[in-house]
Amino acid sequence: MTGTWIGLLLIGAFVWLWMAAMAVRERAILIGQRLCREAGVQLLDQSVTLKRLRLRRTSGGLTAARRYTFEVSMDGADRIGGHIDMLGDRLQSWSVPMRATESSLLPHPTAITTVRSSSEPVT
């Protein structure tokens, strides 16, 4: 009888952790869509994958640090990589390619990535 309860608790904990991980992934996709819209590129939704999962010690205890990688397209025919780092359910940093502007003086503007760090949540 006790073994059944322990098994059910373990299954329940696994389902809870899975649902929490999917909620963070969905939040990362929404943040990625917003960042890509601001950068003038198209996020390829099906390319968002969890690349790294680590535990980090924060002031609130242990927190999951995740890196999601994704691909964006400048013109619909190319694929360029980017990433979003989440600490718990908050955005920590990102790297998104930016569309070239006419005022750009660099020879290869599509190779430039913008990396920002924030302790504020991005919605």
N, C-alpha and C. Protein backbone atom coordinates (compact mmCIF):
# COMPACT_ATOMS: atom_id res chain seq x y z
N MET A 1 0.82 -1.20 0.00
CA MET A 1 0.00 0.00 0.00
C MET A 1 0.86 1.26 0.00
N THR A 2 1.89 1.29 0.85
CA THR A 2 2.78 2.44 0.91
C THR A 2 3.53 2.61 -0.40
N GLY A 3 3.92 1.48 -1.02
CA GLY A 3 4.62 1.53 -2.30
C GLY A 3 3.77 2.15 -3.39
N THR A 4 2.46 1.90 -3.35
CA THR A 4 1.55 2.49 -4.33
C THR A 4 1.50 4.00 -4.17
N TRP A 5 1.42 4.47 -2.92
CA TRP A 5 1.38 5.91 -2.68
C TRP A 5 2.68 6.59 -3.09
N ILE A 6 3.78 5.95 -2.81
CA ILE A 6 5.08 6.52 -3.21
C ILE A 6 5.16 6.59 -4.73
N GLY A 7 4.72 5.53 -5.39
CA GLY A 7 4.72 5.52 -6.86
C GLY A 7 3.84 6.63 -7.43
N LEU A 8 2.65 6.81 -6.86
CA LEU A 8 1.76 7.87 -7.31
C LEU A 8 2.35 9.25 -7.07
N LEU A 9 3.00 9.43 -5.93
CA LEU A 9 3.64 10.71 -5.64
C LEU A 9 4.78 10.98 -6.62
N LEU A 10 5.56 9.97 -6.95
CA LEU A 10 6.63 10.15 -7.91
C LEU A 10 6.09 10.48 -9.30
N ILE A 11 5.05 9.81 -9.70
CA ILE A 11 4.44 10.11 -11.01
C ILE A 11 3.88 11.54 -11.00
N GLY A 12 3.21 11.92 -9.91
CA GLY A 12 2.67 13.28 -9.80
C GLY A 12 3.77 14.33 -9.83
N ALA A 13 4.89 14.08 -9.15
CA ALA A 13 6.01 15.03 -9.16
C ALA A 13 6.59 15.13 -10.56
N PHE A 14 6.72 14.01 -11.26
CA PHE A 14 7.25 14.03 -12.62
C PHE A 14 6.33 14.84 -13.55
N VAL A 15 5.03 14.62 -13.46
CA VAL A 15 4.08 15.37 -14.29
C VAL A 15 4.15 16.86 -13.97
N TRP A 16 4.23 17.21 -12.69
CA TRP A 16 4.33 18.62 -12.29
C TRP A 16 5.59 19.26 -12.86
N LEU A 17 6.74 18.56 -12.75
CA LEU A 17 7.99 19.09 -13.29
C LEU A 17 7.92 19.25 -14.81
N TRP A 18 7.31 18.28 -15.48
CA TRP A 18 7.17 18.34 -16.95
C TRP A 18 6.31 19.53 -17.36
N MET A 19 5.20 19.73 -16.67
CA MET A 19 4.30 20.85 -17.00
C MET A 19 4.99 22.19 -16.72
N ALA A 20 5.75 22.28 -15.64
CA ALA A 20 6.48 23.52 -15.34
C ALA A 20 7.53 23.79 -16.42
N ALA A 21 8.22 22.75 -16.88
CA ALA A 21 9.22 22.92 -17.93
C ALA A 21 8.57 23.37 -19.24
N MET A 22 7.40 22.84 -19.56
CA MET A 22 6.70 23.24 -20.78
C MET A 22 6.21 24.68 -20.68
N ALA A 23 5.81 25.12 -19.48
CA ALA A 23 5.38 26.51 -19.30
C ALA A 23 6.55 27.46 -19.51
N VAL A 24 7.74 27.11 -19.02
CA VAL A 24 8.92 27.95 -19.22
C VAL A 24 9.29 27.98 -20.70
N ARG A 25 9.18 26.83 -21.38
CA ARG A 25 9.48 26.79 -22.82
C ARG A 25 8.52 27.69 -23.60
N GLU A 26 7.24 27.63 -23.28
CA GLU A 26 6.27 28.49 -23.95
C GLU A 26 6.57 29.96 -23.70
N ARG A 27 6.98 30.29 -22.49
CA ARG A 27 7.35 31.68 -22.17
C ARG A 27 8.58 32.09 -22.98
N ALA A 28 9.55 31.19 -23.11
CA ALA A 28 10.74 31.47 -23.91
C ALA A 28 10.37 31.71 -25.37
N ILE A 29 9.42 30.94 -25.89
CA ILE A 29 8.98 31.14 -27.28
C ILE A 29 8.33 32.51 -27.44
N LEU A 30 7.47 32.90 -26.49
CA LEU A 30 6.83 34.22 -26.57
C LEU A 30 7.85 35.34 -26.49
N ILE A 31 8.81 35.20 -25.59
CA ILE A 31 9.87 36.21 -25.48
C ILE A 31 10.68 36.25 -26.77
N GLY A 32 11.00 35.08 -27.31
CA GLY A 32 11.75 35.00 -28.56
C GLY A 32 11.01 35.66 -29.72
N GLN A 33 9.71 35.45 -29.79
CA GLN A 33 8.91 36.09 -30.85
C GLN A 33 8.99 37.60 -30.73
N ARG A 34 8.89 38.11 -29.51
CA ARG A 34 8.95 39.56 -29.30
C ARG A 34 10.32 40.12 -29.66
N LEU A 35 11.38 39.44 -29.21
CA LEU A 35 12.74 39.90 -29.52
C LEU A 35 13.01 39.86 -31.02
N CYS A 36 12.54 38.83 -31.68
CA CYS A 36 12.75 38.72 -33.13
C CYS A 36 11.96 39.79 -33.88
N ARG A 37 10.76 40.07 -33.42
CA ARG A 37 9.97 41.14 -34.04
C ARG A 37 10.69 42.47 -33.92
N GLU A 38 11.27 42.74 -32.74
CA GLU A 38 12.02 43.98 -32.53
C GLU A 38 13.29 44.04 -33.39
N ALA A 39 13.91 42.86 -33.64
CA ALA A 39 15.14 42.81 -34.43
C ALA A 39 14.85 42.76 -35.93
N GLY A 40 13.58 42.59 -36.31
CA GLY A 40 13.22 42.56 -37.72
C GLY A 40 13.50 41.23 -38.40
N VAL A 41 13.51 40.15 -37.63
CA VAL A 41 13.73 38.82 -38.20
C VAL A 41 12.56 37.92 -37.83
N GLN A 42 12.46 36.76 -38.49
CA GLN A 42 11.36 35.84 -38.26
C GLN A 42 11.84 34.65 -37.43
N LEU A 43 11.17 34.41 -36.30
CA LEU A 43 11.50 33.25 -35.47
C LEU A 43 10.86 32.02 -36.10
N LEU A 44 11.66 30.98 -36.29
CA LEU A 44 11.15 29.72 -36.80
C LEU A 44 10.73 28.89 -35.58
N ASP A 45 9.42 28.91 -35.25
CA ASP A 45 8.90 28.36 -34.00
C ASP A 45 9.29 26.91 -33.74
N GLN A 46 9.27 26.09 -34.74
CA GLN A 46 9.54 24.68 -34.54
C GLN A 46 11.01 24.40 -34.23
N SER A 47 11.84 25.43 -34.29
CA SER A 47 13.28 25.22 -34.06
C SER A 47 13.70 25.48 -32.62
N VAL A 48 12.77 25.86 -31.73
CA VAL A 48 13.12 26.17 -30.34
C VAL A 48 13.34 24.86 -29.58
N THR A 49 14.58 24.67 -29.08
CA THR A 49 14.90 23.45 -28.36
C THR A 49 15.68 23.78 -27.09
N LEU A 50 15.53 22.91 -26.10
CA LEU A 50 16.28 23.04 -24.86
C LEU A 50 17.69 22.52 -25.11
N LYS A 51 18.67 23.38 -24.97
CA LYS A 51 20.06 23.00 -25.24
C LYS A 51 20.80 22.64 -23.95
N ARG A 52 20.50 23.36 -22.87
CA ARG A 52 21.23 23.16 -21.62
C ARG A 52 20.28 23.33 -20.45
N LEU A 53 20.42 22.46 -19.46
CA LEU A 53 19.65 22.56 -18.22
C LEU A 53 20.62 22.35 -17.06
N ARG A 54 20.71 23.35 -16.19
CA ARG A 54 21.61 23.30 -15.03
C ARG A 54 20.88 23.84 -13.81
N LEU A 55 21.36 23.47 -12.66
CA LEU A 55 20.86 24.05 -11.42
C LEU A 55 21.82 25.15 -10.99
N ARG A 56 21.26 26.31 -10.65
CA ARG A 56 22.07 27.44 -10.18
C ARG A 56 21.60 27.83 -8.79
N ARG A 57 22.55 28.22 -7.99
CA ARG A 57 22.23 28.68 -6.65
C ARG A 57 21.91 30.17 -6.72
N THR A 58 20.76 30.56 -6.25
CA THR A 58 20.35 31.96 -6.18
C THR A 58 20.00 32.29 -4.74
N SER A 59 19.61 33.52 -4.52
CA SER A 59 19.23 33.91 -3.15
C SER A 59 18.00 33.17 -2.67
N GLY A 60 17.19 32.67 -3.60
CA GLY A 60 15.99 31.92 -3.24
C GLY A 60 16.20 30.43 -3.18
N GLY A 61 17.43 29.94 -3.34
CA GLY A 61 17.71 28.51 -3.32
C GLY A 61 18.18 28.05 -4.69
N LEU A 62 18.00 26.79 -4.99
CA LEU A 62 18.39 26.25 -6.28
C LEU A 62 17.32 26.58 -7.33
N THR A 63 17.77 27.02 -8.48
CA THR A 63 16.87 27.39 -9.57
C THR A 63 17.37 26.77 -10.87
N ALA A 64 16.45 26.35 -11.71
CA ALA A 64 16.82 25.77 -13.01
C ALA A 64 17.25 26.88 -13.96
N ALA A 65 18.44 26.72 -14.54
CA ALA A 65 18.94 27.64 -15.57
C ALA A 65 18.87 26.88 -16.89
N ARG A 66 18.11 27.42 -17.84
CA ARG A 66 17.91 26.76 -19.12
C ARG A 66 18.40 27.63 -20.26
N ARG A 67 18.97 27.00 -21.27
CA ARG A 67 19.31 27.70 -22.52
C ARG A 67 18.48 27.06 -23.63
N TYR A 68 17.68 27.90 -24.28
CA TYR A 68 16.90 27.48 -25.43
C TYR A 68 17.57 28.04 -26.67
N THR A 69 17.84 27.18 -27.64
CA THR A 69 18.38 27.64 -28.91
C THR A 69 17.26 27.63 -29.93
N PHE A 70 17.39 28.47 -30.93
CA PHE A 70 16.37 28.57 -31.97
C PHE A 70 17.02 29.09 -33.23
N GLU A 71 16.25 29.06 -34.30
CA GLU A 71 16.72 29.59 -35.57
C GLU A 71 15.79 30.71 -36.00
N VAL A 72 16.38 31.71 -36.66
CA VAL A 72 15.61 32.81 -37.22
C VAL A 72 15.93 32.90 -38.70
N SER A 73 15.09 33.61 -39.41
CA SER A 73 15.30 33.81 -40.84
C SER A 73 15.24 35.29 -41.13
N MET A 74 16.20 35.75 -41.92
CA MET A 74 16.21 37.15 -42.33
C MET A 74 15.27 37.40 -43.50
N ASP A 75 15.26 36.46 -44.45
CA ASP A 75 14.46 36.66 -45.66
C ASP A 75 13.59 35.45 -46.01
N GLY A 76 13.49 34.46 -45.13
CA GLY A 76 12.68 33.28 -45.39
C GLY A 76 13.44 32.15 -46.04
N ALA A 77 14.65 32.40 -46.51
CA ALA A 77 15.42 31.37 -47.20
C ALA A 77 16.66 30.95 -46.40
N ASP A 78 16.99 31.66 -45.34
CA ASP A 78 18.19 31.34 -44.58
C ASP A 78 17.81 30.96 -43.15
N ARG A 79 18.77 30.40 -42.43
CA ARG A 79 18.58 30.03 -41.03
C ARG A 79 19.81 30.48 -40.25
N ILE A 80 19.57 31.27 -39.21
CA ILE A 80 20.65 31.78 -38.37
C ILE A 80 20.28 31.46 -36.92
N GLY A 81 21.24 31.01 -36.14
CA GLY A 81 20.98 30.60 -34.77
C GLY A 81 20.95 31.75 -33.78
N GLY A 82 20.23 31.53 -32.70
CA GLY A 82 20.16 32.46 -31.59
C GLY A 82 19.88 31.66 -30.32
N HIS A 83 19.85 32.33 -29.19
CA HIS A 83 19.53 31.63 -27.95
C HIS A 83 18.88 32.56 -26.94
N ILE A 84 18.18 31.93 -26.00
CA ILE A 84 17.56 32.62 -24.87
C ILE A 84 17.96 31.86 -23.62
N ASP A 85 18.45 32.58 -22.61
CA ASP A 85 18.80 31.98 -21.32
C ASP A 85 17.73 32.37 -20.32
N MET A 86 17.15 31.36 -19.68
CA MET A 86 16.12 31.58 -18.67
C MET A 86 16.65 31.09 -17.32
N LEU A 87 16.41 31.88 -16.28
CA LEU A 87 16.73 31.48 -14.92
C LEU A 87 15.40 31.37 -14.19
N GLY A 88 14.99 30.15 -13.93
CA GLY A 88 13.62 29.92 -13.46
C GLY A 88 12.68 30.23 -14.60
N ASP A 89 11.73 31.13 -14.39
CA ASP A 89 10.83 31.54 -15.47
C ASP A 89 11.13 32.96 -15.95
N ARG A 90 12.32 33.47 -15.59
CA ARG A 90 12.69 34.83 -15.95
C ARG A 90 13.78 34.83 -17.01
N LEU A 91 13.69 35.82 -17.91
CA LEU A 91 14.71 35.99 -18.94
C LEU A 91 16.00 36.48 -18.29
N GLN A 92 17.10 35.81 -18.61
CA GLN A 92 18.39 36.23 -18.08
C GLN A 92 19.22 36.92 -19.15
N SER A 93 19.35 36.32 -20.33
CA SER A 93 20.08 36.94 -21.43
C SER A 93 19.63 36.33 -22.74
N TRP A 94 20.02 36.97 -23.84
CA TRP A 94 19.65 36.45 -25.15
C TRP A 94 20.64 36.90 -26.21
N SER A 95 20.57 36.22 -27.34
CA SER A 95 21.36 36.57 -28.50
C SER A 95 20.48 36.36 -29.72
N VAL A 96 20.20 37.44 -30.43
CA VAL A 96 19.32 37.40 -31.60
C VAL A 96 19.98 38.15 -32.74
N PRO A 97 20.11 37.54 -33.92
CA PRO A 97 20.64 38.28 -35.07
C PRO A 97 19.71 39.43 -35.43
N MET A 98 20.28 40.52 -35.90
CA MET A 98 19.48 41.68 -36.28
C MET A 98 19.54 41.87 -37.79
N ARG A 99 18.45 42.36 -38.32
CA ARG A 99 18.39 42.68 -39.75
C ARG A 99 19.29 43.88 -40.02
N ALA A 100 19.98 43.84 -41.14
CA ALA A 100 20.87 44.94 -41.52
C ALA A 100 20.05 46.19 -41.82
N THR A 101 20.61 47.33 -41.46
CA THR A 101 19.97 48.61 -41.77
C THR A 101 20.82 49.33 -42.80
N GLU A 102 20.22 50.28 -43.46
CA GLU A 102 20.97 51.04 -44.48
C GLU A 102 22.09 51.86 -43.87
N SER A 103 21.96 52.22 -42.61
CA SER A 103 22.98 53.04 -41.98
C SER A 103 24.13 52.21 -41.42
N SER A 104 24.06 50.90 -41.58
CA SER A 104 25.11 50.04 -41.05
C SER A 104 26.40 50.24 -41.84
N LEU A 105 27.49 50.39 -41.12
CA LEU A 105 28.78 50.60 -41.76
C LEU A 105 29.62 49.32 -41.79
N LEU A 106 29.12 48.25 -41.19
CA LEU A 106 29.89 47.02 -41.13
C LEU A 106 29.67 46.19 -42.39
N PRO A 107 30.70 45.46 -42.85
CA PRO A 107 30.58 44.73 -44.10
C PRO A 107 29.63 43.53 -44.04
N HIS A 108 29.47 42.87 -42.90
CA HIS A 108 28.60 41.70 -42.78
C HIS A 108 27.66 41.86 -41.59
N PRO A 109 26.63 42.69 -41.70
CA PRO A 109 25.79 42.97 -40.54
C PRO A 109 24.98 41.77 -40.07
N THR A 110 24.75 40.77 -40.92
CA THR A 110 23.97 39.62 -40.47
C THR A 110 24.75 38.74 -39.52
N ALA A 111 26.07 38.91 -39.43
CA ALA A 111 26.88 38.10 -38.53
C ALA A 111 26.92 38.69 -37.12
N ILE A 112 26.33 39.85 -36.93
CA ILE A 112 26.36 40.51 -35.63
C ILE A 112 25.18 40.03 -34.80
N THR A 113 25.42 39.71 -33.55
CA THR A 113 24.34 39.36 -32.64
C THR A 113 24.31 40.37 -31.52
N THR A 114 23.12 40.63 -31.05
CA THR A 114 22.95 41.52 -29.93
C THR A 114 22.76 40.68 -28.68
N VAL A 115 23.55 40.91 -27.67
CA VAL A 115 23.43 40.18 -26.42
C VAL A 115 23.09 41.18 -25.35
N ARG A 116 22.03 40.92 -24.66
CA ARG A 116 21.61 41.78 -23.56
C ARG A 116 21.39 40.92 -22.34
N SER A 117 21.52 41.51 -21.19
CA SER A 117 21.26 40.82 -19.96
C SER A 117 20.28 41.65 -19.15
N SER A 118 19.40 40.97 -18.47
CA SER A 118 18.38 41.69 -17.73
C SER A 118 17.99 40.91 -16.50
N SER A 119 17.76 41.60 -15.42
CA SER A 119 17.21 40.98 -14.23
C SER A 119 15.71 41.22 -14.15
N GLU A 120 15.20 42.02 -15.05
CA GLU A 120 13.78 42.30 -15.12
C GLU A 120 13.11 41.30 -16.05
N PRO A 121 11.92 40.81 -15.73
CA PRO A 121 11.24 39.90 -16.65
C PRO A 121 10.78 40.64 -17.89
N VAL A 122 10.89 39.98 -19.03
CA VAL A 122 10.41 40.55 -20.28
C VAL A 122 9.10 39.88 -20.60
N THR A 123 8.06 40.65 -20.83
CA THR A 123 6.76 40.09 -21.13
C THR A 123 6.37 40.37 -22.55
